[in-house]
C-alpha atoms as a PDB file:
ATOM      1  CA  UNK A   1     -10.144   9.519  -9.054  1.00  0.00           C
ATOM      2  CA  UNK A   2      -9.841  13.216  -8.174  1.00  0.00           C
ATOM      3  CA  UNK A   3      -6.077  12.921  -7.575  1.00  0.00           C
ATOM      4  CA  UNK A   4      -5.677  11.086 -10.971  1.00  0.00           C
ATOM      5  CA  UNK A   5      -7.411  13.924 -12.767  1.00  0.00           C
ATOM      6  CA  UNK A   6      -5.220  16.382 -10.824  1.00  0.00           C
ATOM      7  CA  UNK A   7      -2.085  14.499 -11.990  1.00  0.00           C
ATOM      8  CA  UNK A   8      -3.489  14.639 -15.607  1.00  0.00           C
ATOM      9  CA  UNK A   9      -3.744  18.442 -15.161  1.00  0.00           C
ATOM     10  CA  UNK A  10      -7.586  18.242 -15.486  1.00  0.00           C
ATOM     11  CA  UNK A  11      -8.177  20.693 -12.655  1.00  0.00           C
ATOM     12  CA  UNK A  12     -11.921  21.353 -13.131  1.00  0.00           C
ATOM     13  CA  UNK A  13     -12.748  17.713 -13.123  1.00  0.00           C
ATOM     14  CA  UNK A  14     -10.438  16.996 -10.250  1.00  0.00           C
ATOM     15  CA  UNK A  15     -12.034  19.873  -8.222  1.00  0.00           C
ATOM     16  CA  UNK A  16     -15.577  18.700  -9.048  1.00  0.00           C
ATOM     17  CA  UNK A  17     -14.683  15.151  -7.763  1.00  0.00           C
ATOM     18  CA  UNK A  18     -12.898  16.290  -4.641  1.00  0.00           C
ATOM     19  CA  UNK A  19     -15.710  18.617  -3.801  1.00  0.00           C
ATOM     20  CA  UNK A  20     -18.004  15.691  -3.331  1.00  0.00           C
ATOM     21  CA  UNK A  21     -16.291  14.501  -0.171  1.00  0.00           C
ATOM     22  CA  UNK A  22     -16.725  16.242   3.289  1.00  0.00           C
ATOM     23  CA  UNK A  23     -14.331  15.411   6.053  1.00  0.00           C
ATOM     24  CA  UNK A  24     -16.143  14.011   8.987  1.00  0.00           C
ATOM     25  CA  UNK A  25     -19.538  13.747   7.322  1.00  0.00           C
ATOM     26  CA  UNK A  26     -20.591  10.206   7.514  1.00  0.00           C
ATOM     27  CA  UNK A  27     -23.952   8.812   6.655  1.00  0.00           C
ATOM     28  CA  UNK A  28     -24.126   6.118   9.288  1.00  0.00           C
ATOM     29  CA  UNK A  29     -23.719   3.392   6.726  1.00  0.00           C
ATOM     30  CA  UNK A  30     -22.401   0.111   8.093  1.00  0.00           C
ATOM     31  CA  UNK A  31     -18.646   0.094   7.813  1.00  0.00           C
ATOM     32  CA  UNK A  32     -16.295  -2.808   7.740  1.00  0.00           C
ATOM     33  CA  UNK A  33     -12.602  -3.444   8.553  1.00  0.00           C
ATOM     34  CA  UNK A  34     -11.690  -2.299   5.034  1.00  0.00           C
ATOM     35  CA  UNK A  35     -14.060   0.644   4.828  1.00  0.00           C
ATOM     36  CA  UNK A  36     -14.571   2.710   7.827  1.00  0.00           C
ATOM     37  CA  UNK A  37     -15.125   6.510   8.245  1.00  0.00           C
ATOM     38  CA  UNK A  38     -11.666   6.881   9.715  1.00  0.00           C
ATOM     39  CA  UNK A  39     -10.078   5.135   6.668  1.00  0.00           C
ATOM     40  CA  UNK A  40     -12.078   7.370   4.278  1.00  0.00           C
ATOM     41  CA  UNK A  41     -11.181  10.535   6.132  1.00  0.00           C
ATOM     42  CA  UNK A  42      -7.561   9.551   6.297  1.00  0.00           C
ATOM     43  CA  UNK A  43      -7.386   8.849   2.627  1.00  0.00           C
ATOM     44  CA  UNK A  44      -9.039  12.220   1.963  1.00  0.00           C
ATOM     45  CA  UNK A  45      -6.563  14.092   3.997  1.00  0.00           C
ATOM     46  CA  UNK A  46      -3.644  12.158   2.464  1.00  0.00           C
ATOM     47  CA  UNK A  47      -4.820  12.999  -1.063  1.00  0.00           C
ATOM     48  CA  UNK A  48      -5.366  16.565  -0.234  1.00  0.00           C
ATOM     49  CA  UNK A  49      -1.815  16.841   1.135  1.00  0.00           C
ATOM     50  CA  UNK A  50      -0.202  15.210  -1.772  1.00  0.00           C
ATOM     51  CA  UNK A  51      -2.356  16.558  -4.723  1.00  0.00           C
ATOM     52  CA  UNK A  52      -4.461  19.459  -3.490  1.00  0.00           C
ATOM     53  CA  UNK A  53      -2.034  21.382  -1.354  1.00  0.00           C
ATOM     54  CA  UNK A  54      -4.084  24.617  -1.182  1.00  0.00           C
ATOM     55  CA  UNK A  55      -7.075  22.684   0.117  1.00  0.00           C
ATOM     56  CA  UNK A  56      -4.952  20.783   2.685  1.00  0.00           C
ATOM     57  CA  UNK A  57      -3.476  24.109   3.907  1.00  0.00           C
ATOM     58  CA  UNK A  58      -6.997  25.436   4.269  1.00  0.00           C
ATOM     59  CA  UNK A  59      -7.794  22.728   6.781  1.00  0.00           C
ATOM     60  CA  UNK A  60      -8.543  24.103  10.198  1.00  0.00           C
ATOM     61  CA  UNK A  61      -7.775  22.581  13.649  1.00  0.00           C
ATOM     62  CA  UNK A  62     -11.320  21.305  13.942  1.00  0.00           C
ATOM     63  CA  UNK A  63     -10.986  19.397  10.631  1.00  0.00           C
ATOM     64  CA  UNK A  64      -7.812  17.656  11.819  1.00  0.00           C
ATOM     65  CA  UNK A  65      -9.590  16.821  15.076  1.00  0.00           C
ATOM     66  CA  UNK A  66     -12.335  15.160  12.944  1.00  0.00           C
ATOM     67  CA  UNK A  67      -9.589  12.818  11.710  1.00  0.00           C
ATOM     68  CA  UNK A  68      -7.943  12.138  15.108  1.00  0.00           C
ATOM     69  CA  UNK A  69     -10.899  11.972  17.380  1.00  0.00           C
ATOM     70  CA  UNK A  70     -11.824   8.314  16.429  1.00  0.00           C
ATOM     71  CA  UNK A  71      -8.246   7.387  17.249  1.00  0.00           C
ATOM     72  CA  UNK A  72      -8.559   8.965  20.807  1.00  0.00           C
ATOM     73  CA  UNK A  73     -11.760   7.114  21.247  1.00  0.00           C
ATOM     74  CA  UNK A  74     -10.218   3.854  20.246  1.00  0.00           C
ATOM     75  CA  UNK A  75     -12.330   3.540  17.179  1.00  0.00           C
ATOM     76  CA  UNK A  76      -9.690   2.285  14.769  1.00  0.00           C
ATOM     77  CA  UNK A  77      -8.263  -0.865  13.380  1.00  0.00           C
ATOM     78  CA  UNK A  78      -4.885  -1.821  11.646  1.00  0.00           C
ATOM     79  CA  UNK A  79      -5.964  -0.449   8.313  1.00  0.00           C
ATOM     80  CA  UNK A  80      -7.526   2.791   9.440  1.00  0.00           C
ATOM     81  CA  UNK A  81      -4.499   3.395  11.739  1.00  0.00           C
ATOM     82  CA  UNK A  82      -2.083   2.847   8.867  1.00  0.00           C
ATOM     83  CA  UNK A  83      -4.044   5.320   6.668  1.00  0.00           C
ATOM     84  CA  UNK A  84      -4.157   7.784   9.500  1.00  0.00           C
ATOM     85  CA  UNK A  85      -0.361   7.630   9.965  1.00  0.00           C
ATOM     86  CA  UNK A  86       0.132   8.197   6.178  1.00  0.00           C
ATOM     87  CA  UNK A  87      -2.421  11.111   6.183  1.00  0.00           C
ATOM     88  CA  UNK A  88      -0.921  12.884   9.275  1.00  0.00           C
ATOM     89  CA  UNK A  89       2.657  12.345   8.022  1.00  0.00           C
ATOM     90  CA  UNK A  90       1.778  13.833   4.483  1.00  0.00           C
ATOM     91  CA  UNK A  91      -0.105  16.718   6.157  1.00  0.00           C
ATOM     92  CA  UNK A  92       2.636  17.553   8.609  1.00  0.00           C
ATOM     93  CA  UNK A  93       5.259  17.502   5.869  1.00  0.00           C
ATOM     94  CA  UNK A  94       3.154  19.868   3.762  1.00  0.00           C
ATOM     95  CA  UNK A  95       2.673  22.271   6.745  1.00  0.00           C
ATOM     96  CA  UNK A  96       6.345  22.257   7.597  1.00  0.00           C
ATOM     97  CA  UNK A  97       7.258  22.939   3.991  1.00  0.00           C
ATOM     98  CA  UNK A  98       4.761  25.719   3.635  1.00  0.00           C
ATOM     99  CA  UNK A  99       5.951  27.220   6.870  1.00  0.00           C
ATOM    100  CA  UNK A 100       9.538  27.103   5.631  1.00  0.00           C
ATOM    101  CA  UNK A 101       8.532  28.793   2.421  1.00  0.00           C
ATOM    102  CA  UNK A 102       6.779  31.611   4.243  1.00  0.00           C
ATOM    103  CA  UNK A 103       9.596  32.057   6.667  1.00  0.00           C
ATOM    104  CA  UNK A 104       7.508  31.264   9.759  1.00  0.00           C
ATOM    105  CA  UNK A 105      10.267  29.163  11.215  1.00  0.00           C
ATOM    106  CA  UNK A 106      13.774  28.164  10.207  1.00  0.00           C
ATOM    107  CA  UNK A 107      12.896  24.776   8.879  1.00  0.00           C
ATOM    108  CA  UNK A 108      15.243  22.778   6.749  1.00  0.00           C
ATOM    109  CA  UNK A 109      12.558  20.827   4.971  1.00  0.00           C
ATOM    110  CA  UNK A 110      12.505  19.542   1.372  1.00  0.00           C
ATOM    111  CA  UNK A 111       9.360  19.798  -0.758  1.00  0.00           C
ATOM    112  CA  UNK A 112       7.086  16.769  -0.080  1.00  0.00           C
ATOM    113  CA  UNK A 113       7.088  14.336  -3.009  1.00  0.00           C
ATOM    114  CA  UNK A 114       3.860  14.145  -4.928  1.00  0.00           C
END
């Protein structure tokens, strides 16, 4: 929903909704194949990378580790792995683009599609 409001240029509503999720904070509720903590975190990082670029760029190394640690531990399934690939791909594209803009490296990267 937050990304939809962001696309509609309703920033305050989008921000209020996206603020309700915290990466890596899980209440211990029973998850299923279609709804796991990794799946939710991956979707969150993907949406940040595509629609909330400033927030995605503010993620720190420990935040990214919260996403990939379950993968290292083997706590994933096909769906969560797929969402994780999407999230990490979108995040890395955004970081490369921002680095190219800031002249950190000589990247030949196009702006990620939103």
